[in-house]
N, C-alpha and C. Protein backbone atom coordinates (compact mmCIF):
# COMPACT_ATOMS: atom_id res chain seq x y z
N GLY A 1 0.83 -1.22 -0.02
CA GLY A 1 -0.01 0.01 -0.01
C GLY A 1 0.83 1.27 0.00
N SER A 2 2.13 1.19 0.28
CA SER A 2 2.95 2.38 0.28
C SER A 2 3.66 2.46 -1.06
N ARG A 3 4.28 3.57 -1.30
CA ARG A 3 5.00 3.83 -2.57
C ARG A 3 6.51 3.64 -2.41
N LEU A 4 7.13 2.89 -3.26
CA LEU A 4 8.56 2.69 -3.29
C LEU A 4 9.21 3.62 -4.27
N VAL A 5 10.02 4.53 -3.81
CA VAL A 5 10.69 5.53 -4.69
C VAL A 5 12.16 5.17 -4.85
N THR A 6 12.62 4.96 -6.07
CA THR A 6 13.98 4.64 -6.36
C THR A 6 14.56 5.63 -7.38
N TYR A 7 15.83 5.50 -7.69
CA TYR A 7 16.46 6.30 -8.72
C TYR A 7 15.72 6.18 -10.06
N GLN A 8 15.29 4.95 -10.36
CA GLN A 8 14.66 4.69 -11.68
C GLN A 8 13.24 5.19 -11.80
N ASN A 9 12.50 5.32 -10.67
CA ASN A 9 11.11 5.71 -10.77
C ASN A 9 10.74 7.01 -10.01
N ALA A 10 11.76 7.76 -9.59
CA ALA A 10 11.45 9.02 -8.89
C ALA A 10 10.76 9.99 -9.85
N PRO A 11 9.97 10.92 -9.37
CA PRO A 11 9.71 11.23 -7.94
C PRO A 11 8.49 10.52 -7.35
N ASP A 12 7.62 9.94 -8.21
CA ASP A 12 6.38 9.37 -7.72
C ASP A 12 6.52 7.93 -7.19
N GLY A 13 7.51 7.19 -7.68
CA GLY A 13 7.67 5.83 -7.28
C GLY A 13 6.59 4.94 -7.80
N GLN A 14 6.52 3.71 -7.22
CA GLN A 14 5.53 2.72 -7.63
C GLN A 14 4.85 2.16 -6.41
N MET A 15 3.55 1.83 -6.53
CA MET A 15 2.79 1.26 -5.46
C MET A 15 3.27 -0.19 -5.17
N VAL A 16 3.50 -0.46 -3.91
CA VAL A 16 3.89 -1.82 -3.50
C VAL A 16 2.60 -2.66 -3.36
N THR A 17 2.54 -3.68 -4.22
CA THR A 17 1.36 -4.55 -4.20
C THR A 17 1.65 -5.96 -3.74
N ARG A 18 2.93 -6.36 -3.75
CA ARG A 18 3.35 -7.67 -3.32
C ARG A 18 4.69 -7.60 -2.57
N LEU A 19 4.91 -8.57 -1.73
CA LEU A 19 6.22 -8.67 -1.01
C LEU A 19 6.73 -10.07 -1.18
N LEU A 20 8.03 -10.23 -1.36
CA LEU A 20 8.67 -11.52 -1.35
C LEU A 20 9.60 -11.54 -0.15
N ILE A 21 9.30 -12.43 0.75
CA ILE A 21 10.08 -12.51 2.00
C ILE A 21 10.95 -13.76 1.94
N GLU A 22 12.26 -13.56 2.16
CA GLU A 22 13.23 -14.60 2.11
C GLU A 22 13.87 -14.83 3.46
N GLU A 23 14.62 -15.89 3.58
CA GLU A 23 15.34 -16.16 4.80
C GLU A 23 16.46 -15.15 5.02
N THR A 24 16.78 -14.90 6.26
CA THR A 24 17.89 -14.02 6.62
C THR A 24 19.20 -14.74 6.39
N LEU A 25 20.17 -14.02 5.79
CA LEU A 25 21.48 -14.63 5.50
C LEU A 25 22.61 -13.85 6.19
N ASP A 26 23.66 -14.53 6.48
CA ASP A 26 24.84 -13.86 7.05
C ASP A 26 25.64 -13.34 5.83
N ILE A 27 25.54 -12.03 5.62
CA ILE A 27 26.14 -11.42 4.42
C ILE A 27 27.50 -10.85 4.79
N ALA A 28 28.54 -11.38 4.09
CA ALA A 28 29.90 -10.88 4.29
C ALA A 28 30.15 -9.67 3.40
N ARG A 29 29.67 -9.77 2.14
CA ARG A 29 29.82 -8.64 1.25
C ARG A 29 28.83 -8.74 0.08
N GLU A 30 28.60 -7.60 -0.60
CA GLU A 30 27.65 -7.54 -1.70
C GLU A 30 28.33 -7.20 -2.99
N ILE A 31 27.85 -7.81 -4.06
CA ILE A 31 28.41 -7.63 -5.39
C ILE A 31 27.24 -7.25 -6.35
N TYR A 32 27.59 -6.50 -7.35
CA TYR A 32 26.63 -6.15 -8.44
C TYR A 32 26.97 -7.03 -9.64
N LEU A 33 25.95 -7.59 -10.32
CA LEU A 33 26.22 -8.45 -11.51
C LEU A 33 25.06 -8.25 -12.46
N SER A 34 25.38 -7.99 -13.73
CA SER A 34 24.35 -7.91 -14.75
C SER A 34 24.87 -8.36 -16.11
N LEU A 35 23.91 -8.66 -16.94
CA LEU A 35 24.14 -8.81 -18.40
C LEU A 35 23.16 -7.80 -19.05
N THR A 36 23.68 -7.10 -20.01
CA THR A 36 22.89 -6.11 -20.69
C THR A 36 23.34 -5.94 -22.14
N VAL A 37 22.55 -5.32 -22.95
CA VAL A 37 22.97 -5.00 -24.32
C VAL A 37 23.62 -3.66 -24.35
N ASP A 38 24.87 -3.61 -24.73
CA ASP A 38 25.56 -2.36 -24.88
C ASP A 38 25.33 -1.84 -26.27
N ARG A 39 24.60 -0.75 -26.38
CA ARG A 39 24.28 -0.17 -27.67
C ARG A 39 25.46 0.29 -28.50
N GLU A 40 26.49 0.81 -27.76
CA GLU A 40 27.71 1.29 -28.48
C GLU A 40 28.41 0.18 -29.19
N SER A 41 28.68 -0.88 -28.48
CA SER A 41 29.46 -2.03 -29.07
C SER A 41 28.59 -2.98 -29.83
N GLU A 42 27.28 -2.86 -29.62
CA GLU A 42 26.22 -3.73 -30.23
C GLU A 42 26.53 -5.20 -29.82
N ARG A 43 26.86 -5.33 -28.53
CA ARG A 43 27.16 -6.69 -27.99
C ARG A 43 26.49 -6.77 -26.61
N ILE A 44 26.38 -8.03 -26.17
CA ILE A 44 25.96 -8.30 -24.78
C ILE A 44 27.18 -8.15 -23.90
N VAL A 45 27.02 -7.50 -22.76
CA VAL A 45 28.16 -7.24 -21.87
C VAL A 45 27.82 -7.75 -20.49
N LEU A 46 28.81 -8.45 -19.93
CA LEU A 46 28.72 -8.82 -18.52
C LEU A 46 29.32 -7.70 -17.68
N VAL A 47 28.55 -7.22 -16.75
CA VAL A 47 29.00 -6.08 -15.94
C VAL A 47 28.95 -6.48 -14.50
N ALA A 48 30.00 -6.10 -13.73
CA ALA A 48 30.04 -6.45 -12.30
C ALA A 48 30.76 -5.38 -11.58
N SER A 49 30.50 -5.34 -10.25
CA SER A 49 31.17 -4.38 -9.39
C SER A 49 31.23 -4.89 -7.95
N VAL A 50 32.33 -4.59 -7.29
CA VAL A 50 32.46 -4.94 -5.87
C VAL A 50 31.51 -4.09 -5.02
N SER A 51 30.95 -3.06 -5.56
CA SER A 51 30.05 -2.24 -4.84
C SER A 51 28.60 -2.59 -5.11
N GLY A 52 28.17 -3.80 -4.70
CA GLY A 52 26.82 -4.23 -4.86
C GLY A 52 25.91 -3.62 -3.82
N GLY A 53 24.62 -3.72 -4.07
CA GLY A 53 23.62 -3.20 -3.14
C GLY A 53 23.44 -1.71 -3.22
N MET A 54 24.20 -1.03 -4.05
CA MET A 54 24.11 0.37 -4.21
C MET A 54 23.60 0.71 -5.61
N GLU A 55 23.34 1.97 -5.82
CA GLU A 55 22.88 2.40 -7.16
C GLU A 55 24.03 2.34 -8.14
N ILE A 56 24.00 1.42 -9.08
CA ILE A 56 25.13 1.23 -9.98
C ILE A 56 25.33 2.45 -10.87
N GLU A 57 24.32 3.19 -11.18
CA GLU A 57 24.48 4.38 -12.00
C GLU A 57 25.35 5.39 -11.30
N GLU A 58 25.15 5.51 -9.95
CA GLU A 58 25.95 6.48 -9.18
C GLU A 58 27.43 6.05 -9.11
N ILE A 59 27.68 4.71 -8.97
CA ILE A 59 29.03 4.15 -8.91
C ILE A 59 29.70 4.42 -10.29
N ALA A 60 28.96 4.17 -11.37
CA ALA A 60 29.55 4.34 -12.71
C ALA A 60 29.93 5.85 -12.92
N ARG A 61 29.20 6.76 -12.31
CA ARG A 61 29.49 8.18 -12.45
C ARG A 61 30.64 8.61 -11.57
N THR A 62 30.67 8.14 -10.31
CA THR A 62 31.66 8.62 -9.34
C THR A 62 32.92 7.75 -9.30
N ASP A 63 32.83 6.46 -9.47
CA ASP A 63 33.98 5.53 -9.42
C ASP A 63 33.98 4.54 -10.56
N PRO A 64 34.10 5.01 -11.78
CA PRO A 64 34.01 4.11 -12.96
C PRO A 64 35.00 2.98 -12.98
N GLU A 65 36.11 3.10 -12.24
CA GLU A 65 37.10 2.03 -12.19
C GLU A 65 36.60 0.83 -11.41
N LYS A 66 35.50 1.00 -10.63
CA LYS A 66 34.92 -0.12 -9.88
C LYS A 66 33.97 -0.95 -10.75
N ILE A 67 33.74 -0.55 -11.97
CA ILE A 67 32.86 -1.28 -12.89
C ILE A 67 33.75 -2.17 -13.76
N LEU A 68 33.48 -3.50 -13.69
CA LEU A 68 34.20 -4.46 -14.51
C LEU A 68 33.28 -4.88 -15.67
N ARG A 69 33.88 -5.04 -16.86
CA ARG A 69 33.08 -5.38 -18.07
C ARG A 69 33.81 -6.39 -18.91
N GLU A 70 33.00 -7.30 -19.40
CA GLU A 70 33.46 -8.29 -20.38
C GLU A 70 32.44 -8.31 -21.55
N VAL A 71 32.95 -8.02 -22.76
CA VAL A 71 32.07 -8.01 -23.91
C VAL A 71 31.93 -9.40 -24.48
N CYS A 72 30.75 -9.92 -24.68
CA CYS A 72 30.49 -11.29 -25.18
C CYS A 72 30.53 -11.31 -26.71
N ASP A 73 31.25 -12.28 -27.21
CA ASP A 73 31.34 -12.45 -28.68
C ASP A 73 29.96 -12.95 -29.21
N PRO A 74 29.45 -12.40 -30.31
CA PRO A 74 28.15 -12.81 -30.82
C PRO A 74 28.08 -14.24 -31.26
N VAL A 75 29.24 -14.80 -31.61
CA VAL A 75 29.25 -16.22 -32.08
C VAL A 75 29.56 -17.16 -30.92
N TRP A 76 30.54 -16.85 -30.11
CA TRP A 76 30.97 -17.74 -29.03
C TRP A 76 30.36 -17.50 -27.71
N GLY A 77 29.70 -16.38 -27.53
CA GLY A 77 29.03 -16.10 -26.29
C GLY A 77 30.00 -15.70 -25.16
N LEU A 78 29.57 -15.93 -23.98
CA LEU A 78 30.40 -15.66 -22.76
C LEU A 78 31.36 -16.80 -22.54
N GLN A 79 32.61 -16.50 -22.53
CA GLN A 79 33.68 -17.54 -22.39
C GLN A 79 34.18 -17.72 -20.93
N ASP A 80 34.69 -18.90 -20.65
CA ASP A 80 35.17 -19.21 -19.30
C ASP A 80 36.21 -18.21 -18.84
N PHE A 81 37.17 -17.81 -19.70
CA PHE A 81 38.18 -16.90 -19.26
C PHE A 81 37.61 -15.53 -18.87
N GLN A 82 36.52 -15.15 -19.55
CA GLN A 82 35.91 -13.86 -19.21
C GLN A 82 35.24 -13.95 -17.77
N CYS A 83 34.63 -15.10 -17.52
CA CYS A 83 34.04 -15.28 -16.18
C CYS A 83 35.08 -15.21 -15.11
N ARG A 84 36.24 -15.90 -15.38
CA ARG A 84 37.35 -15.86 -14.44
C ARG A 84 37.92 -14.47 -14.27
N ASN A 85 38.04 -13.68 -15.38
CA ASN A 85 38.52 -12.33 -15.28
C ASN A 85 37.68 -11.49 -14.30
N ILE A 86 36.38 -11.63 -14.46
CA ILE A 86 35.42 -10.91 -13.56
C ILE A 86 35.55 -11.38 -12.16
N ALA A 87 35.60 -12.73 -11.98
CA ALA A 87 35.71 -13.31 -10.64
C ALA A 87 36.98 -12.81 -9.92
N PHE A 88 38.08 -12.76 -10.61
CA PHE A 88 39.31 -12.26 -10.03
C PHE A 88 39.17 -10.81 -9.67
N GLY A 89 38.52 -10.00 -10.60
CA GLY A 89 38.33 -8.60 -10.32
C GLY A 89 37.45 -8.32 -9.13
N LEU A 90 36.57 -9.32 -8.82
CA LEU A 90 35.64 -9.20 -7.67
C LEU A 90 36.27 -9.80 -6.39
N ASN A 91 37.54 -10.18 -6.49
CA ASN A 91 38.23 -10.76 -5.35
C ASN A 91 37.61 -12.03 -4.81
N LEU A 92 37.05 -12.83 -5.70
CA LEU A 92 36.51 -14.13 -5.28
C LEU A 92 37.65 -15.11 -5.15
N GLN A 93 37.46 -16.09 -4.30
CA GLN A 93 38.55 -16.99 -3.98
C GLN A 93 38.16 -18.47 -4.15
N GLY A 94 39.07 -19.35 -4.48
CA GLY A 94 38.89 -20.77 -4.57
C GLY A 94 37.60 -21.20 -5.24
N PRO A 95 36.75 -21.99 -4.55
CA PRO A 95 35.51 -22.50 -5.15
C PRO A 95 34.56 -21.46 -5.58
N GLN A 96 34.66 -20.23 -5.04
CA GLN A 96 33.78 -19.15 -5.46
C GLN A 96 33.97 -18.80 -6.96
N ILE A 97 35.16 -18.99 -7.42
CA ILE A 97 35.46 -18.66 -8.85
C ILE A 97 34.69 -19.57 -9.75
N ALA A 98 34.66 -20.86 -9.47
CA ALA A 98 33.94 -21.82 -10.31
C ALA A 98 32.41 -21.58 -10.16
N ALA A 99 31.97 -21.27 -8.90
CA ALA A 99 30.57 -21.03 -8.70
C ALA A 99 30.10 -19.79 -9.47
N PHE A 100 30.94 -18.76 -9.43
CA PHE A 100 30.63 -17.53 -10.14
C PHE A 100 30.55 -17.78 -11.67
N SER A 101 31.52 -18.54 -12.16
CA SER A 101 31.58 -18.83 -13.64
C SER A 101 30.33 -19.60 -14.04
N LYS A 102 29.94 -20.59 -13.23
CA LYS A 102 28.75 -21.35 -13.54
C LYS A 102 27.48 -20.42 -13.52
N MET A 103 27.41 -19.57 -12.55
CA MET A 103 26.28 -18.64 -12.49
C MET A 103 26.22 -17.71 -13.68
N ALA A 104 27.38 -17.10 -13.99
CA ALA A 104 27.44 -16.14 -15.09
C ALA A 104 27.09 -16.81 -16.42
N LYS A 105 27.60 -18.02 -16.65
CA LYS A 105 27.29 -18.73 -17.88
C LYS A 105 25.82 -19.12 -17.97
N GLY A 106 25.25 -19.46 -16.81
CA GLY A 106 23.82 -19.78 -16.77
C GLY A 106 22.99 -18.57 -17.06
N LEU A 107 23.42 -17.45 -16.53
CA LEU A 107 22.71 -16.19 -16.79
C LEU A 107 22.76 -15.81 -18.22
N PHE A 108 23.91 -16.06 -18.88
CA PHE A 108 24.04 -15.77 -20.29
C PHE A 108 23.05 -16.64 -21.14
N GLN A 109 22.97 -17.93 -20.77
CA GLN A 109 22.04 -18.82 -21.46
C GLN A 109 20.59 -18.38 -21.28
N LEU A 110 20.27 -17.97 -20.04
CA LEU A 110 18.91 -17.45 -19.75
C LEU A 110 18.66 -16.16 -20.55
N PHE A 111 19.65 -15.31 -20.67
CA PHE A 111 19.55 -14.09 -21.41
C PHE A 111 19.18 -14.38 -22.91
N MET A 112 19.89 -15.27 -23.48
CA MET A 112 19.74 -15.58 -24.89
C MET A 112 18.42 -16.31 -25.16
N LYS A 113 18.12 -17.29 -24.32
CA LYS A 113 16.95 -18.14 -24.54
C LYS A 113 15.64 -17.30 -24.39
N ASN A 114 15.65 -16.29 -23.55
CA ASN A 114 14.43 -15.58 -23.27
C ASN A 114 14.38 -14.16 -23.88
N ASP A 115 15.27 -13.88 -24.83
CA ASP A 115 15.25 -12.59 -25.50
C ASP A 115 15.28 -11.41 -24.52
N LEU A 116 16.19 -11.47 -23.54
CA LEU A 116 16.24 -10.45 -22.53
C LEU A 116 17.06 -9.25 -23.05
N SER A 117 16.80 -8.13 -22.47
CA SER A 117 17.67 -6.94 -22.68
C SER A 117 18.45 -6.61 -21.42
N LEU A 118 18.05 -7.24 -20.28
CA LEU A 118 18.72 -6.99 -19.01
C LEU A 118 18.47 -8.11 -18.04
N ILE A 119 19.52 -8.56 -17.36
CA ILE A 119 19.41 -9.36 -16.13
C ILE A 119 20.29 -8.63 -15.13
N GLU A 120 19.73 -8.29 -14.01
CA GLU A 120 20.48 -7.56 -12.99
C GLU A 120 20.32 -8.19 -11.60
N ILE A 121 21.42 -8.65 -11.06
CA ILE A 121 21.42 -9.23 -9.70
C ILE A 121 22.12 -8.18 -8.83
N ASN A 122 21.32 -7.63 -7.91
CA ASN A 122 21.85 -6.62 -7.03
C ASN A 122 21.08 -6.61 -5.70
N PRO A 123 21.64 -7.29 -4.70
CA PRO A 123 23.03 -7.77 -4.62
C PRO A 123 23.16 -9.25 -4.88
N LEU A 124 24.31 -9.62 -5.37
CA LEU A 124 24.82 -10.99 -5.33
C LEU A 124 25.68 -10.98 -4.08
N VAL A 125 25.38 -11.82 -3.13
CA VAL A 125 26.13 -11.73 -1.88
C VAL A 125 27.08 -12.92 -1.71
N VAL A 126 28.16 -12.62 -0.99
CA VAL A 126 29.06 -13.65 -0.51
C VAL A 126 28.67 -13.82 0.95
N THR A 127 28.21 -15.01 1.35
CA THR A 127 27.81 -15.22 2.74
C THR A 127 29.03 -15.42 3.66
N GLY A 128 28.75 -15.43 4.95
CA GLY A 128 29.84 -15.62 5.91
C GLY A 128 30.49 -16.97 5.67
N GLY A 129 29.76 -17.93 5.11
CA GLY A 129 30.30 -19.26 4.83
C GLY A 129 30.99 -19.36 3.46
N GLY A 130 30.98 -18.25 2.74
CA GLY A 130 31.70 -18.21 1.44
C GLY A 130 30.86 -18.56 0.24
N GLU A 131 29.54 -18.76 0.39
CA GLU A 131 28.66 -19.13 -0.72
C GLU A 131 28.22 -17.85 -1.46
N LEU A 132 27.97 -18.01 -2.75
CA LEU A 132 27.37 -16.94 -3.59
C LEU A 132 25.89 -17.15 -3.63
N VAL A 133 25.09 -16.09 -3.30
CA VAL A 133 23.66 -16.18 -3.30
C VAL A 133 23.11 -14.92 -3.92
N ALA A 134 22.22 -15.06 -4.95
CA ALA A 134 21.57 -13.94 -5.54
C ALA A 134 20.35 -13.56 -4.67
N LEU A 135 20.43 -12.36 -4.08
CA LEU A 135 19.38 -11.92 -3.18
C LEU A 135 18.26 -11.19 -3.88
N ASP A 136 18.59 -10.52 -4.98
CA ASP A 136 17.58 -9.83 -5.74
C ASP A 136 17.97 -9.83 -7.18
N CYS A 137 16.95 -10.07 -8.03
CA CYS A 137 17.22 -10.18 -9.48
C CYS A 137 16.02 -9.56 -10.21
N LYS A 138 16.34 -8.82 -11.24
CA LYS A 138 15.28 -8.36 -12.08
C LYS A 138 15.71 -8.60 -13.57
N ILE A 139 14.68 -8.88 -14.40
CA ILE A 139 14.94 -9.09 -15.84
C ILE A 139 14.09 -8.15 -16.65
N SER A 140 14.56 -7.79 -17.79
CA SER A 140 13.75 -7.02 -18.77
C SER A 140 13.73 -7.83 -20.03
N VAL A 141 12.57 -8.14 -20.54
CA VAL A 141 12.40 -8.83 -21.78
C VAL A 141 12.31 -7.82 -22.93
N GLU A 142 12.98 -8.05 -24.04
CA GLU A 142 12.88 -7.19 -25.15
C GLU A 142 11.42 -7.15 -25.64
N ASP A 143 10.82 -5.95 -25.64
CA ASP A 143 9.39 -5.84 -26.01
C ASP A 143 9.05 -6.44 -27.36
N ASN A 144 10.01 -6.29 -28.31
CA ASN A 144 9.70 -6.81 -29.67
C ASN A 144 9.77 -8.32 -29.71
N ALA A 145 10.15 -8.98 -28.64
CA ALA A 145 10.25 -10.42 -28.65
C ALA A 145 9.14 -11.03 -27.74
N LEU A 146 8.30 -10.27 -27.18
CA LEU A 146 7.31 -10.75 -26.25
C LEU A 146 6.41 -11.78 -26.95
N TYR A 147 6.15 -11.64 -28.24
CA TYR A 147 5.30 -12.59 -28.92
C TYR A 147 5.90 -13.99 -28.86
N ARG A 148 7.21 -14.10 -28.73
CA ARG A 148 7.89 -15.43 -28.63
C ARG A 148 7.95 -15.87 -27.18
N GLN A 149 7.81 -14.99 -26.25
CA GLN A 149 8.00 -15.28 -24.82
C GLN A 149 6.68 -15.15 -24.07
N LYS A 150 5.71 -15.99 -24.49
CA LYS A 150 4.37 -15.88 -23.95
C LYS A 150 4.34 -16.16 -22.43
N GLU A 151 5.11 -17.07 -21.97
CA GLU A 151 5.14 -17.39 -20.49
C GLU A 151 5.61 -16.18 -19.72
N LEU A 152 6.67 -15.52 -20.18
CA LEU A 152 7.18 -14.36 -19.50
C LEU A 152 6.21 -13.18 -19.64
N ALA A 153 5.64 -13.00 -20.77
CA ALA A 153 4.64 -11.94 -21.02
C ALA A 153 3.48 -12.09 -20.05
N ALA A 154 3.06 -13.31 -19.73
CA ALA A 154 1.96 -13.57 -18.85
C ALA A 154 2.24 -13.17 -17.40
N LEU A 155 3.56 -13.07 -17.04
CA LEU A 155 3.94 -12.72 -15.69
C LEU A 155 3.91 -11.22 -15.47
N ARG A 156 3.77 -10.40 -16.50
CA ARG A 156 3.76 -8.97 -16.35
C ARG A 156 2.67 -8.52 -15.44
N ASP A 157 2.98 -7.65 -14.51
CA ASP A 157 2.05 -7.11 -13.51
C ASP A 157 1.68 -5.71 -13.97
N PRO A 158 0.49 -5.48 -14.61
CA PRO A 158 0.19 -4.16 -15.14
C PRO A 158 0.08 -3.15 -14.00
N ALA A 159 -0.10 -3.53 -12.79
CA ALA A 159 -0.21 -2.59 -11.63
C ALA A 159 1.13 -1.84 -11.47
N GLN A 160 2.21 -2.44 -11.99
CA GLN A 160 3.51 -1.80 -11.85
C GLN A 160 3.86 -0.88 -13.02
N ASP A 161 3.01 -0.83 -14.02
CA ASP A 161 3.24 0.00 -15.23
C ASP A 161 2.43 1.28 -15.13
N ASP A 162 2.85 2.25 -15.88
CA ASP A 162 2.06 3.50 -16.03
C ASP A 162 0.67 3.16 -16.62
N ALA A 163 -0.37 3.66 -16.03
CA ALA A 163 -1.75 3.35 -16.50
C ALA A 163 -1.92 3.73 -17.96
N LYS A 164 -1.36 4.86 -18.41
CA LYS A 164 -1.53 5.28 -19.80
C LYS A 164 -0.82 4.29 -20.74
N GLU A 165 0.35 3.80 -20.31
CA GLU A 165 1.08 2.84 -21.14
C GLU A 165 0.31 1.54 -21.25
N VAL A 166 -0.30 1.11 -20.15
CA VAL A 166 -1.09 -0.10 -20.15
C VAL A 166 -2.24 0.01 -21.16
N ALA A 167 -2.97 1.14 -21.06
CA ALA A 167 -4.08 1.38 -21.96
C ALA A 167 -3.63 1.39 -23.41
N ALA A 168 -2.50 2.02 -23.70
CA ALA A 168 -1.96 2.08 -25.03
C ALA A 168 -1.60 0.66 -25.55
N ARG A 169 -0.98 -0.13 -24.67
CA ARG A 169 -0.57 -1.47 -25.02
C ARG A 169 -1.79 -2.30 -25.37
N GLU A 170 -2.87 -2.16 -24.57
CA GLU A 170 -4.09 -2.91 -24.81
C GLU A 170 -4.74 -2.53 -26.15
N ALA A 171 -4.49 -1.29 -26.59
CA ALA A 171 -5.00 -0.80 -27.91
C ALA A 171 -4.02 -1.05 -28.98
N ASP A 172 -2.90 -1.82 -28.67
CA ASP A 172 -1.87 -2.07 -29.67
C ASP A 172 -1.22 -0.82 -30.21
N LEU A 173 -0.95 0.14 -29.32
CA LEU A 173 -0.28 1.37 -29.66
C LEU A 173 1.04 1.47 -28.98
N ASN A 174 2.02 2.09 -29.58
CA ASN A 174 3.26 2.38 -28.91
C ASN A 174 3.13 3.71 -28.20
N TYR A 175 3.41 3.72 -26.94
CA TYR A 175 3.27 4.96 -26.14
C TYR A 175 4.29 4.92 -24.96
N ILE A 176 4.95 6.01 -24.78
CA ILE A 176 5.90 6.12 -23.63
C ILE A 176 5.49 7.33 -22.87
N ALA A 177 5.16 7.17 -21.61
CA ALA A 177 4.76 8.24 -20.71
C ALA A 177 5.99 9.03 -20.32
N LEU A 178 5.93 10.35 -20.42
CA LEU A 178 6.99 11.22 -19.99
C LEU A 178 6.42 12.24 -19.02
N SER A 179 7.25 12.92 -18.29
CA SER A 179 6.76 13.92 -17.39
C SER A 179 6.36 15.20 -18.19
N GLY A 180 5.52 15.99 -17.60
CA GLY A 180 5.11 17.23 -18.26
C GLY A 180 3.73 17.02 -18.87
N ASN A 181 3.30 18.05 -19.69
CA ASN A 181 1.96 18.00 -20.27
C ASN A 181 1.99 18.23 -21.76
N ILE A 182 3.14 17.98 -22.41
CA ILE A 182 3.25 18.14 -23.87
C ILE A 182 3.34 16.79 -24.48
N GLY A 183 2.59 16.51 -25.53
CA GLY A 183 2.69 15.21 -26.19
C GLY A 183 3.24 15.36 -27.63
N CYS A 184 3.76 14.33 -28.13
CA CYS A 184 4.30 14.32 -29.50
C CYS A 184 3.80 13.03 -30.19
N MET A 185 2.93 13.17 -31.19
CA MET A 185 2.41 12.03 -31.90
C MET A 185 3.06 12.03 -33.28
N VAL A 186 3.82 10.96 -33.60
CA VAL A 186 4.56 10.90 -34.84
C VAL A 186 4.41 9.49 -35.41
N ASN A 187 4.90 9.39 -36.69
CA ASN A 187 4.78 8.07 -37.31
C ASN A 187 6.14 7.43 -37.53
N GLY A 188 7.19 7.94 -36.89
CA GLY A 188 8.51 7.37 -37.03
C GLY A 188 9.53 8.09 -36.24
N ALA A 189 10.65 7.44 -35.94
CA ALA A 189 11.68 8.07 -35.11
C ALA A 189 12.29 9.29 -35.75
N GLY A 190 12.48 9.27 -37.04
CA GLY A 190 13.06 10.45 -37.73
C GLY A 190 12.22 11.69 -37.56
N LEU A 191 10.93 11.55 -37.78
CA LEU A 191 9.99 12.65 -37.60
C LEU A 191 9.92 13.07 -36.16
N ALA A 192 10.02 12.15 -35.23
CA ALA A 192 9.98 12.43 -33.80
C ALA A 192 11.17 13.31 -33.46
N MET A 193 12.41 12.92 -33.93
CA MET A 193 13.57 13.69 -33.61
C MET A 193 13.49 15.07 -34.22
N THR A 194 12.98 15.19 -35.43
CA THR A 194 12.83 16.48 -36.05
C THR A 194 11.89 17.34 -35.27
N SER A 195 10.80 16.78 -34.84
CA SER A 195 9.81 17.53 -34.04
C SER A 195 10.34 17.99 -32.71
N MET A 196 11.14 17.14 -32.06
CA MET A 196 11.69 17.48 -30.76
C MET A 196 12.77 18.58 -30.88
N ASP A 197 13.36 18.69 -32.06
CA ASP A 197 14.45 19.65 -32.25
C ASP A 197 13.95 21.08 -32.44
N VAL A 198 12.68 21.22 -32.73
CA VAL A 198 12.08 22.54 -32.97
C VAL A 198 12.07 23.41 -31.74
């Protein structure tokens, strides 16, 4: 019943309609881990940071050297050596390196199989006993692939989306809600950019 306000949804936040309650863990440290599509390189990138549990955007802005990246080859995918590079950069030790590699490669397979544009685990924790546990994960499915991902599309909770965007989607329209009270109706990105430039 309360509103959760984060960096991504400020200032209004989103209404909390469900809670997931998990067991308490002995957390030694937190790590950030994600796979995303990097538009610049046109590749999938494994991104990690020793500063998990925090806003990754802020870390990228203030301490970019804390962000580790491995670009995945479009043919060969995520390779073992890349997983080890990230594991070493995260100061993982012994069996944690193999566990991390297995997790990262599994995430890459999940990413590809489900047409995702983002998998983000924040935080991935190292417990007091040295285990790696994903405490929170979110995924984003590429909208243009939802017709292939019917099971994932069925999980969408419209209560978490902007009401105007939900109504537009139900009418099979493309609509993105922005702040303010000015609208732009166009028939293509080129015309949209020209209109915005005026």
